[in-house]
C-alpha atoms as a PDB file:
ATOM      1  CA  MET A   1     -48.291 -43.959 -24.136  1.00  0.00           C
ATOM      2  CA  ARG A   2     -47.412 -42.262 -21.034  1.00  0.00           C
ATOM      3  CA  ARG A   3     -50.178 -39.532 -21.070  1.00  0.00           C
ATOM      4  CA  ASP A   4     -49.288 -37.817 -17.682  1.00  0.00           C
ATOM      5  CA  ASP A   5     -45.627 -37.338 -18.111  1.00  0.00           C
ATOM      6  CA  PRO A   6     -44.567 -34.216 -15.963  1.00  0.00           C
ATOM      7  CA  ARG A   7     -42.833 -33.081 -19.096  1.00  0.00           C
ATOM      8  CA  LEU A   8     -45.687 -33.425 -21.913  1.00  0.00           C
ATOM      9  CA  GLU A   9     -47.773 -31.718 -19.259  1.00  0.00           C
ATOM     10  CA  ILE A  10     -45.115 -28.711 -19.060  1.00  0.00           C
ATOM     11  CA  ILE A  11     -44.705 -27.772 -22.873  1.00  0.00           C
ATOM     12  CA  ARG A  12     -49.217 -29.042 -22.942  1.00  0.00           C
ATOM     13  CA  GLU A  13     -49.911 -25.566 -20.737  1.00  0.00           C
ATOM     14  CA  ALA A  14     -46.841 -23.815 -22.254  1.00  0.00           C
ATOM     15  CA  ILE A  15     -49.497 -23.980 -25.648  1.00  0.00           C
ATOM     16  CA  GLU A  16     -52.964 -23.089 -23.379  1.00  0.00           C
ATOM     17  CA  ARG A  17     -51.064 -19.618 -22.144  1.00  0.00           C
ATOM     18  CA  LEU A  18     -50.102 -18.415 -25.441  1.00  0.00           C
ATOM     19  CA  ILE A  19     -53.620 -16.760 -24.853  1.00  0.00           C
ATOM     20  CA  PRO A  20     -53.999 -14.653 -21.536  1.00  0.00           C
ATOM     21  CA  ARG A  21     -56.726 -16.632 -18.988  1.00  0.00           C
ATOM     22  CA  ALA A  22     -57.629 -18.728 -21.888  1.00  0.00           C
ATOM     23  CA  THR A  23     -59.838 -21.698 -20.935  1.00  0.00           C
ATOM     24  CA  PRO A  24     -58.010 -24.883 -21.367  1.00  0.00           C
ATOM     25  CA  ALA A  25     -60.846 -27.015 -23.000  1.00  0.00           C
ATOM     26  CA  TYR A  26     -61.545 -24.174 -25.910  1.00  0.00           C
ATOM     27  CA  VAL A  27     -58.323 -24.314 -26.913  1.00  0.00           C
ATOM     28  CA  THR A  28     -57.526 -25.548 -30.738  1.00  0.00           C
ATOM     29  CA  VAL A  29     -53.990 -24.293 -32.498  1.00  0.00           C
ATOM     30  CA  THR A  30     -53.843 -24.088 -36.266  1.00  0.00           C
ATOM     31  CA  VAL A  31     -50.545 -24.436 -38.262  1.00  0.00           C
ATOM     32  CA  THR A  32     -50.824 -22.575 -41.632  1.00  0.00           C
ATOM     33  CA  GLU A  33     -48.260 -22.859 -44.569  1.00  0.00           C
ATOM     34  CA  THR A  34     -48.740 -20.547 -47.352  1.00  0.00           C
ATOM     35  CA  LEU A  35     -47.117 -20.798 -50.626  1.00  0.00           C
ATOM     36  CA  PRO A  36     -45.553 -18.128 -52.485  1.00  0.00           C
ATOM     37  CA  GLY A  37     -46.199 -17.664 -55.456  1.00  0.00           C
ATOM     38  CA  THR A  38     -49.550 -19.645 -55.956  1.00  0.00           C
ATOM     39  CA  ALA A  39     -53.228 -18.895 -56.458  1.00  0.00           C
ATOM     40  CA  GLY A  40     -56.372 -19.948 -55.181  1.00  0.00           C
ATOM     41  CA  HIS A  41     -59.848 -19.605 -57.089  1.00  0.00           C
ATOM     42  CA  ASP A  42     -59.790 -15.984 -54.467  1.00  0.00           C
ATOM     43  CA  GLY A  43     -56.776 -14.723 -55.452  1.00  0.00           C
ATOM     44  CA  GLU A  44     -55.069 -15.723 -51.740  1.00  0.00           C
ATOM     45  CA  PRO A  45     -52.034 -18.107 -51.789  1.00  0.00           C
ATOM     46  CA  HIS A  46     -52.758 -21.923 -51.236  1.00  0.00           C
ATOM     47  CA  GLN A  47     -52.003 -22.785 -47.652  1.00  0.00           C
ATOM     48  CA  HIS A  48     -51.739 -26.197 -45.910  1.00  0.00           C
ATOM     49  CA  THR A  49     -53.382 -26.122 -42.181  1.00  0.00           C
ATOM     50  CA  TRP A  50     -52.930 -28.455 -39.902  1.00  0.00           C
ATOM     51  CA  THR A  51     -55.800 -27.657 -37.101  1.00  0.00           C
ATOM     52  CA  GLY A  52     -55.282 -29.528 -33.366  1.00  0.00           C
ATOM     53  CA  ARG A  53     -55.835 -29.350 -29.428  1.00  0.00           C
ATOM     54  CA  PRO A  54     -52.821 -28.061 -27.775  1.00  0.00           C
ATOM     55  CA  ASP A  55     -52.238 -31.739 -26.344  1.00  0.00           C
ATOM     56  CA  ASP A  56     -52.353 -32.990 -29.626  1.00  0.00           C
ATOM     57  CA  LEU A  57     -49.440 -30.326 -30.225  1.00  0.00           C
ATOM     58  CA  ALA A  58     -47.806 -31.056 -27.186  1.00  0.00           C
ATOM     59  CA  GLU A  59     -47.338 -34.640 -27.961  1.00  0.00           C
ATOM     60  CA  LYS A  60     -46.279 -33.714 -31.364  1.00  0.00           C
ATOM     61  CA  ILE A  61     -43.524 -31.769 -29.991  1.00  0.00           C
ATOM     62  CA  PHE A  62     -42.701 -34.580 -27.049  1.00  0.00           C
ATOM     63  CA  THR A  63     -41.910 -37.001 -28.952  1.00  0.00           C
ATOM     64  CA  ALA A  64     -39.659 -34.972 -31.329  1.00  0.00           C
ATOM     65  CA  LEU A  65     -37.507 -34.495 -28.550  1.00  0.00           C
ATOM     66  CA  PHE A  66     -37.433 -37.490 -25.650  1.00  0.00           C
ATOM     67  CA  GLY A  67     -39.279 -39.998 -28.043  1.00  0.00           C
ATOM     68  CA  ARG A  68     -42.792 -41.447 -27.672  1.00  0.00           C
ATOM     69  CA  PRO A  69     -45.098 -40.722 -24.233  1.00  0.00           C
ATOM     70  CA  ARG A  70     -45.226 -43.670 -21.849  1.00  0.00           C
ATOM     71  CA  ASP A  71     -47.685 -44.740 -19.705  1.00  0.00           C
ATOM     72  CA  ARG A  72     -48.458 -44.004 -16.327  1.00  0.00           C
ATOM     73  CA  ALA A  73     -51.318 -45.295 -13.664  1.00  0.00           C
ATOM     74  CA  GLU A  74     -51.177 -42.566 -11.313  1.00  0.00           C
ATOM     75  CA  ALA A  75     -49.146 -39.401 -10.894  1.00  0.00           C
ATOM     76  CA  SER A  76     -48.579 -38.153  -7.310  1.00  0.00           C
ATOM     77  CA  PRO A  77     -47.891 -35.204  -5.421  1.00  0.00           C
ATOM     78  CA  ARG A  78     -44.502 -33.700  -4.912  1.00  0.00           C
ATOM     79  CA  THR A  79     -42.845 -32.001  -2.163  1.00  0.00           C
ATOM     80  CA  THR A  80     -39.202 -29.816  -1.686  1.00  0.00           C
ATOM     81  CA  LEU A  81     -39.945 -30.782   2.299  1.00  0.00           C
ATOM     82  CA  SER A  82     -37.221 -32.743   3.998  1.00  0.00           C
ATOM     83  CA  ARG A  83     -38.722 -35.998   5.950  1.00  0.00           C
ATOM     84  CA  THR A  84     -38.157 -35.135   9.154  1.00  0.00           C
ATOM     85  CA  GLU A  85     -39.518 -31.756   8.068  1.00  0.00           C
ATOM     86  CA  ALA A  86     -42.903 -32.760   6.609  1.00  0.00           C
ATOM     87  CA  LEU A  87     -43.802 -35.412   9.437  1.00  0.00           C
ATOM     88  CA  LYS A  88     -43.398 -32.619  12.108  1.00  0.00           C
ATOM     89  CA  ALA A  89     -45.649 -30.368   9.937  1.00  0.00           C
ATOM     90  CA  ILE A  90     -48.274 -33.043   9.254  1.00  0.00           C
ATOM     91  CA  THR A  91     -48.448 -34.451  12.807  1.00  0.00           C
ATOM     92  CA  HIS A  92     -49.004 -31.057  14.522  1.00  0.00           C
ATOM     93  CA  VAL A  93     -51.899 -30.370  11.798  1.00  0.00           C
ATOM     94  CA  LEU A  94     -53.357 -33.642  12.848  1.00  0.00           C
ATOM     95  CA  LYS A  95     -53.100 -33.337  16.435  1.00  0.00           C
ATOM     96  CA  GLN A  96     -54.183 -29.967  16.459  1.00  0.00           C
ATOM     97  CA  PRO A  97     -55.647 -28.954  13.634  1.00  0.00           C
ATOM     98  CA  VAL A  98     -57.334 -25.772  15.630  1.00  0.00           C
ATOM     99  CA  GLU A  99     -55.386 -24.134  18.645  1.00  0.00           C
ATOM    100  CA  ASP A 100     -58.559 -24.578  20.803  1.00  0.00           C
ATOM    101  CA  VAL A 101     -59.337 -27.750  20.992  1.00  0.00           C
ATOM    102  CA  PRO A 102     -57.416 -30.339  22.617  1.00  0.00           C
ATOM    103  CA  ALA A 103     -54.581 -32.640  21.029  1.00  0.00           C
ATOM    104  CA  ALA A 104     -55.735 -35.761  19.694  1.00  0.00           C
ATOM    105  CA  ASP A 105     -53.961 -39.516  20.137  1.00  0.00           C
ATOM    106  CA  LEU A 106     -56.434 -40.720  17.745  1.00  0.00           C
ATOM    107  CA  ILE A 107     -58.065 -40.304  14.412  1.00  0.00           C
ATOM    108  CA  TYR A 108     -61.408 -41.835  13.818  1.00  0.00           C
ATOM    109  CA  GLY A 109     -62.724 -42.361  10.424  1.00  0.00           C
ATOM    110  CA  ARG A 110     -65.562 -43.950   8.610  1.00  0.00           C
ATOM    111  CA  PRO A 111     -67.511 -43.365   5.308  1.00  0.00           C
ATOM    112  CA  LEU A 112     -69.830 -40.764   5.261  1.00  0.00           C
ATOM    113  CA  ALA A 113     -72.775 -43.082   4.287  1.00  0.00           C
ATOM    114  CA  HIS A 114     -72.647 -44.745   7.275  1.00  0.00           C
ATOM    115  CA  ILE A 115     -72.239 -41.838   9.800  1.00  0.00           C
ATOM    116  CA  GLU A 116     -76.400 -42.364   9.926  1.00  0.00           C
ATOM    117  CA  ASP A 117     -76.458 -46.015  10.200  1.00  0.00           C
ATOM    118  CA  PRO A 118     -76.797 -47.449  13.405  1.00  0.00           C
ATOM    119  CA  GLU A 119     -75.270 -51.120  12.659  1.00  0.00           C
ATOM    120  CA  GLN A 120     -72.258 -49.201  11.212  1.00  0.00           C
ATOM    121  CA  ALA A 121     -71.951 -46.174  13.779  1.00  0.00           C
ATOM    122  CA  PRO A 122     -70.109 -48.291  16.036  1.00  0.00           C
ATOM    123  CA  ASN A 123     -67.134 -49.026  13.778  1.00  0.00           C
ATOM    124  CA  PRO A 124     -65.092 -47.282  12.442  1.00  0.00           C
ATOM    125  CA  TRP A 125     -61.479 -47.288  11.717  1.00  0.00           C
ATOM    126  CA  ALA A 126     -59.330 -45.489  14.332  1.00  0.00           C
ATOM    127  CA  MET A 127     -55.602 -44.853  13.854  1.00  0.00           C
ATOM    128  CA  GLN A 128     -53.014 -43.201  15.988  1.00  0.00           C
ATOM    129  CA  VAL A 129     -51.798 -39.800  14.949  1.00  0.00           C
ATOM    130  CA  ASP A 130     -47.921 -40.817  15.149  1.00  0.00           C
ATOM    131  CA  VAL A 131     -48.489 -43.395  12.855  1.00  0.00           C
ATOM    132  CA  LEU A 132     -51.326 -41.676  10.280  1.00  0.00           C
ATOM    133  CA  ALA A 133     -48.525 -38.933   9.660  1.00  0.00           C
ATOM    134  CA  LEU A 134     -45.659 -41.598   8.703  1.00  0.00           C
ATOM    135  CA  ARG A 135     -47.864 -43.223   6.658  1.00  0.00           C
ATOM    136  CA  ILE A 136     -48.602 -39.402   5.169  1.00  0.00           C
ATOM    137  CA  ALA A 137     -45.215 -38.846   5.075  1.00  0.00           C
ATOM    138  CA  GLY A 138     -44.073 -42.208   3.623  1.00  0.00           C
ATOM    139  CA  ALA A 139     -46.781 -41.732   1.027  1.00  0.00           C
ATOM    140  CA  LEU A 140     -44.448 -38.303  -0.429  1.00  0.00           C
ATOM    141  CA  PRO A 141     -41.783 -38.105  -2.341  1.00  0.00           C
ATOM    142  CA  LEU A 142     -39.721 -35.745  -0.059  1.00  0.00           C
ATOM    143  CA  THR A 143     -35.608 -34.537   0.539  1.00  0.00           C
ATOM    144  CA  ASP A 144     -33.204 -36.371   2.491  1.00  0.00           C
ATOM    145  CA  GLU A 145     -31.688 -34.284   5.013  1.00  0.00           C
ATOM    146  CA  ALA A 146     -28.890 -33.279   2.902  1.00  0.00           C
ATOM    147  CA  GLY A 147     -30.778 -31.213   1.116  1.00  0.00           C
ATOM    148  CA  GLU A 148     -31.070 -33.534  -2.317  1.00  0.00           C
ATOM    149  CA  ALA A 149     -34.045 -33.222  -4.015  1.00  0.00           C
ATOM    150  CA  SER A 150     -35.829 -35.656  -6.775  1.00  0.00           C
ATOM    151  CA  PRO A 151     -35.672 -34.321 -10.204  1.00  0.00           C
ATOM    152  CA  LEU A 152     -39.913 -33.894  -9.570  1.00  0.00           C
ATOM    153  CA  ALA A 153     -39.621 -32.466  -6.283  1.00  0.00           C
ATOM    154  CA  GLN A 154     -36.843 -29.931  -8.012  1.00  0.00           C
ATOM    155  CA  ALA A 155     -39.300 -29.180 -10.955  1.00  0.00           C
ATOM    156  CA  GLU A 156     -42.496 -28.601  -8.633  1.00  0.00           C
ATOM    157  CA  ALA A 157     -40.362 -25.974  -6.539  1.00  0.00           C
ATOM    158  CA  ALA A 158     -39.967 -24.569 -10.223  1.00  0.00           C
ATOM    159  CA  LYS A 159     -43.254 -24.403 -10.788  1.00  0.00           C
ATOM    160  CA  ARG A 160     -44.236 -23.007  -7.608  1.00  0.00           C
ATOM    161  CA  ARG A 161     -41.834 -19.928  -8.222  1.00  0.00           C
ATOM    162  CA  ARG A 162     -43.598 -19.570 -12.021  1.00  0.00           C
ATOM    163  CA  ASP A 163     -40.389 -20.943 -13.429  1.00  0.00           C
ATOM    164  CA  LEU A 164     -41.229 -22.757 -16.860  1.00  0.00           C
ATOM    165  CA  ALA A 165     -37.944 -22.520 -17.880  1.00  0.00           C
ATOM    166  CA  GLY A 166     -36.898 -23.841 -14.662  1.00  0.00           C
ATOM    167  CA  GLU A 167     -39.466 -26.611 -14.613  1.00  0.00           C
ATOM    168  CA  LEU A 168     -38.761 -27.684 -17.841  1.00  0.00           C
ATOM    169  CA  SER A 169     -34.901 -27.962 -18.046  1.00  0.00           C
ATOM    170  CA  VAL A 170     -35.160 -30.099 -14.220  1.00  0.00           C
ATOM    171  CA  LEU A 171     -37.399 -33.028 -16.340  1.00  0.00           C
ATOM    172  CA  MET A 172     -35.353 -32.555 -19.594  1.00  0.00           C
ATOM    173  CA  SER A 173     -32.078 -32.822 -17.646  1.00  0.00           C
ATOM    174  CA  ALA A 174     -33.344 -36.056 -15.631  1.00  0.00           C
ATOM    175  CA  GLY A 175     -34.396 -38.103 -18.408  1.00  0.00           C
ATOM    176  CA  GLN A 176     -31.803 -36.869 -20.848  1.00  0.00           C
ATOM    177  CA  ALA A 177     -29.192 -38.052 -17.949  1.00  0.00           C
ATOM    178  CA  LEU A 178     -31.313 -41.440 -17.442  1.00  0.00           C
ATOM    179  CA  GLU A 179     -31.314 -42.043 -21.172  1.00  0.00           C
ATOM    180  CA  SER A 180     -28.031 -40.926 -22.409  1.00  0.00           C
ATOM    181  CA  ALA A 181     -26.535 -43.475 -19.007  1.00  0.00           C
ATOM    182  CA  PRO A 182     -24.385 -46.210 -20.315  1.00  0.00           C
ATOM    183  CA  TRP A 183     -26.514 -49.210 -18.423  1.00  0.00           C
ATOM    184  CA  TYR A 184     -29.603 -47.585 -20.000  1.00  0.00           C
ATOM    185  CA  PRO A 185     -31.778 -49.385 -20.653  1.00  0.00           C
ATOM    186  CA  CYS A 186     -32.153 -52.127 -17.739  1.00  0.00           C
ATOM    187  CA  ARG A 187     -31.721 -55.746 -18.520  1.00  0.00           C
ATOM    188  CA  PRO A 188     -33.529 -58.450 -17.135  1.00  0.00           C
ATOM    189  CA  GLY A 189     -31.278 -59.565 -13.929  1.00  0.00           C
ATOM    190  CA  ASP A 190     -30.141 -55.975 -13.136  1.00  0.00           C
ATOM    191  CA  LEU A 191     -30.436 -55.305  -9.472  1.00  0.00           C
ATOM    192  CA  VAL A 192     -31.882 -51.826  -8.769  1.00  0.00           C
ATOM    193  CA  HIS A 193     -31.943 -50.659  -4.533  1.00  0.00           C
ATOM    194  CA  VAL A 194     -32.911 -47.607  -3.176  1.00  0.00           C
ATOM    195  CA  HIS A 195     -32.161 -45.877  -0.385  1.00  0.00           C
ATOM    196  CA  TYR A 196     -34.423 -44.181   2.151  1.00  0.00           C
ATOM    197  CA  GLU A 197     -33.401 -42.102   4.945  1.00  0.00           C
ATOM    198  CA  ALA A 198     -34.654 -41.971   8.664  1.00  0.00           C
ATOM    199  CA  VAL A 199     -37.860 -40.041   9.361  1.00  0.00           C
ATOM    200  CA  GLY A 200     -38.260 -38.567  12.862  1.00  0.00           C
ATOM    201  CA  ASP A 201     -35.886 -37.662  15.613  1.00  0.00           C
ATOM    202  CA  VAL A 202     -36.339 -41.108  16.974  1.00  0.00           C
ATOM    203  CA  PRO A 203     -36.298 -41.919  14.660  1.00  0.00           C
ATOM    204  CA  LEU A 204     -39.938 -43.498  14.011  1.00  0.00           C
ATOM    205  CA  VAL A 205     -38.651 -45.070  11.091  1.00  0.00           C
ATOM    206  CA  PRO A 206     -35.047 -45.893  10.292  1.00  0.00           C
ATOM    207  CA  ALA A 207     -33.112 -45.797   7.441  1.00  0.00           C
ATOM    208  CA  PHE A 208     -33.739 -48.918   5.530  1.00  0.00           C
ATOM    209  CA  GLY A 209     -33.412 -49.777   1.204  1.00  0.00           C
ATOM    210  CA  GLU A 210     -35.307 -52.064  -0.952  1.00  0.00           C
ATOM    211  CA  THR A 211     -33.745 -53.636  -3.819  1.00  0.00           C
ATOM    212  CA  TYR A 212     -35.868 -54.497  -6.688  1.00  0.00           C
ATOM    213  CA  VAL A 213     -35.132 -56.966  -9.801  1.00  0.00           C
ATOM    214  CA  ILE A 214     -35.396 -56.364 -13.018  1.00  0.00           C
ATOM    215  CA  GLY A 215     -37.239 -59.431 -15.282  1.00  0.00           C
ATOM    216  CA  ASP A 216     -38.080 -60.307 -18.473  1.00  0.00           C
ATOM    217  CA  ALA A 217     -42.199 -59.571 -19.126  1.00  0.00           C
ATOM    218  CA  GLY A 218     -42.652 -60.349 -22.402  1.00  0.00           C
ATOM    219  CA  ASP A 219     -43.035 -58.579 -25.619  1.00  0.00           C
ATOM    220  CA  GLY A 220     -40.056 -56.339 -25.426  1.00  0.00           C
ATOM    221  CA  LEU A 221     -41.491 -54.765 -22.120  1.00  0.00           C
ATOM    222  CA  LEU A 222     -39.398 -55.518 -18.333  1.00  0.00           C
ATOM    223  CA  SER A 223     -40.800 -56.124 -14.929  1.00  0.00           C
ATOM    224  CA  MET A 224     -39.542 -54.824 -11.959  1.00  0.00           C
ATOM    225  CA  LYS A 225     -40.170 -57.318  -8.573  1.00  0.00           C
ATOM    226  CA  LEU A 226     -39.066 -56.217  -4.521  1.00  0.00           C
ATOM    227  CA  LEU A 227     -36.584 -58.631  -3.975  1.00  0.00           C
ATOM    228  CA  ALA A 228     -36.197 -57.561  -0.252  1.00  0.00           C
ATOM    229  CA  HIS A 229     -35.950 -55.123   2.364  1.00  0.00           C
ATOM    230  CA  SER A 230     -33.985 -53.682   5.513  1.00  0.00           C
ATOM    231  CA  LEU A 231     -37.126 -52.457   6.949  1.00  0.00           C
ATOM    232  CA  PRO A 232     -36.538 -54.088  10.724  1.00  0.00           C
ATOM    233  CA  ASP A 233     -39.140 -56.632  11.731  1.00  0.00           C
ATOM    234  CA  GLY A 234     -41.941 -54.932  13.629  1.00  0.00           C
ATOM    235  CA  THR A 235     -41.917 -51.823  11.907  1.00  0.00           C
ATOM    236  CA  GLU A 236     -45.738 -50.944  12.018  1.00  0.00           C
ATOM    237  CA  HIS A 237     -48.196 -50.531   8.567  1.00  0.00           C
ATOM    238  CA  ALA A 238     -44.323 -52.029   6.839  1.00  0.00           C
ATOM    239  CA  GLU A 239     -46.545 -53.012   3.909  1.00  0.00           C
ATOM    240  CA  GLY A 240     -47.605 -50.019   3.323  1.00  0.00           C
ATOM    241  CA  MET A 241     -43.846 -48.386   3.077  1.00  0.00           C
ATOM    242  CA  VAL A 242     -42.049 -51.031   1.066  1.00  0.00           C
ATOM    243  CA  GLY A 243     -42.726 -52.501  -2.961  1.00  0.00           C
ATOM    244  CA  CYS A 244     -44.219 -48.810  -4.346  1.00  0.00           C
ATOM    245  CA  PHE A 245     -41.904 -49.088  -6.853  1.00  0.00           C
ATOM    246  CA  ALA A 246     -42.202 -52.356  -8.721  1.00  0.00           C
ATOM    247  CA  ALA A 247     -43.796 -52.982 -11.802  1.00  0.00           C
ATOM    248  CA  GLU A 248     -45.192 -55.728 -14.045  1.00  0.00           C
ATOM    249  CA  ALA A 249     -44.493 -54.990 -17.181  1.00  0.00           C
ATOM    250  CA  THR A 250     -43.069 -51.521 -18.750  1.00  0.00           C
ATOM    251  CA  ASP A 251     -40.738 -50.179 -21.584  1.00  0.00           C
ATOM    252  CA  CYS A 252     -38.731 -48.901 -18.471  1.00  0.00           C
ATOM    253  CA  PRO A 253     -39.354 -50.116 -15.238  1.00  0.00           C
ATOM    254  CA  ILE A 254     -36.970 -47.447 -13.029  1.00  0.00           C
ATOM    255  CA  TYR A 255     -38.407 -44.466 -14.736  1.00  0.00           C
ATOM    256  CA  GLU A 256     -40.478 -43.958 -11.443  1.00  0.00           C
ATOM    257  CA  LEU A 257     -37.688 -44.145  -9.049  1.00  0.00           C
ATOM    258  CA  TRP A 258     -35.824 -42.193 -11.396  1.00  0.00           C
ATOM    259  CA  PHE A 259     -38.012 -39.003 -10.794  1.00  0.00           C
ATOM    260  CA  GLU A 260     -39.708 -39.625  -7.493  1.00  0.00           C
ATOM    261  CA  GLY A 261     -36.900 -40.823  -5.754  1.00  0.00           C
ATOM    262  CA  GLY A 262     -34.461 -39.346  -7.444  1.00  0.00           C
ATOM    263  CA  PRO A 263     -31.196 -40.254  -9.221  1.00  0.00           C
ATOM    264  CA  HIS A 264     -29.038 -40.062  -5.808  1.00  0.00           C
ATOM    265  CA  ARG A 265     -30.263 -42.588  -3.647  1.00  0.00           C
ATOM    266  CA  LEU A 266     -30.262 -45.317  -6.523  1.00  0.00           C
ATOM    267  CA  THR A 267     -27.794 -47.669  -6.951  1.00  0.00           C
ATOM    268  CA  ILE A 268     -27.906 -50.223  -9.660  1.00  0.00           C
ATOM    269  CA  VAL A 269     -26.282 -53.607 -10.099  1.00  0.00           C
ATOM    270  CA  ARG A 270     -25.570 -55.115 -13.657  1.00  0.00           C
ATOM    271  CA  ASP A 271     -23.765 -58.742 -13.608  1.00  0.00           C
ATOM    272  CA  GLY A 272     -21.446 -58.189 -10.422  1.00  0.00           C
ATOM    273  CA  ARG A 273     -20.733 -54.999 -10.809  1.00  0.00           C
ATOM    274  CA  VAL A 274     -22.133 -51.382  -9.898  1.00  0.00           C
ATOM    275  CA  VAL A 275     -23.229 -49.935 -12.959  1.00  0.00           C
ATOM    276  CA  HIS A 276     -24.725 -47.022 -11.369  1.00  0.00           C
ATOM    277  CA  ASN A 277     -23.924 -45.358  -7.563  1.00  0.00           C
ATOM    278  CA  GLY A 278     -26.585 -42.773  -7.003  1.00  0.00           C
ATOM    279  CA  GLY A 279     -25.344 -42.512  -2.891  1.00  0.00           C
ATOM    280  CA  ALA A 280     -21.396 -42.269  -3.468  1.00  0.00           C
ATOM    281  CA  ARG A 281     -20.268 -39.441  -1.723  1.00  0.00           C
END
């Protein structure tokens, strides 16, 4: 079961907010059916009652709307900045977190437990500020320069506006678009290509793409393995920039790509024919 699907979280939060300023850990939900024309020993009509927690009710609502939730190992932070905007902001803060200090070129780090250890003290890790900023920006699901954003980025923007209806609408629409696509679900042998825009003005990282192949993982599940990427040889920290969406065994291997990368970045090929061309202009 995918317990941290953002749509599921939105429904749960909406239930918890029915009582203003309530503490979620203490909230329970009671649904009562009162049967007219009946009476118990106390003279009151008979009642059927269901009692549970908000997450229990949220899951029942979610399942009725979208089907069984899926598992997800981790959730990622979202943003609606472009890659270039985010990279500039991150680099600026890392280089000079406060105005009255010199701009840094390298950032050093070590575990807190090693600070006073004379054997560990001379051995911190170090990384150029520009490279560290690039790695941080690369880990975020950012918009491209044309302003298109992934469904999760759009949902996060709506959440910041306190637009619960807009947030849920974006995620519902994206899920429905995926599950109603004529090529859905994926099949073994499908090729999934994702395009990434250039990062930085130089650029620090050129535009590149990844190609994944869908495989049979057994027990009705599918895998998605990185087949190739077009990141130029010699790109620093390339190993941390590719293969992030690979999946070993799941019922929908492109789920995270669809929501986090966005359908506008995906091209899906089946039997030698393009069945989804999100990058078409």
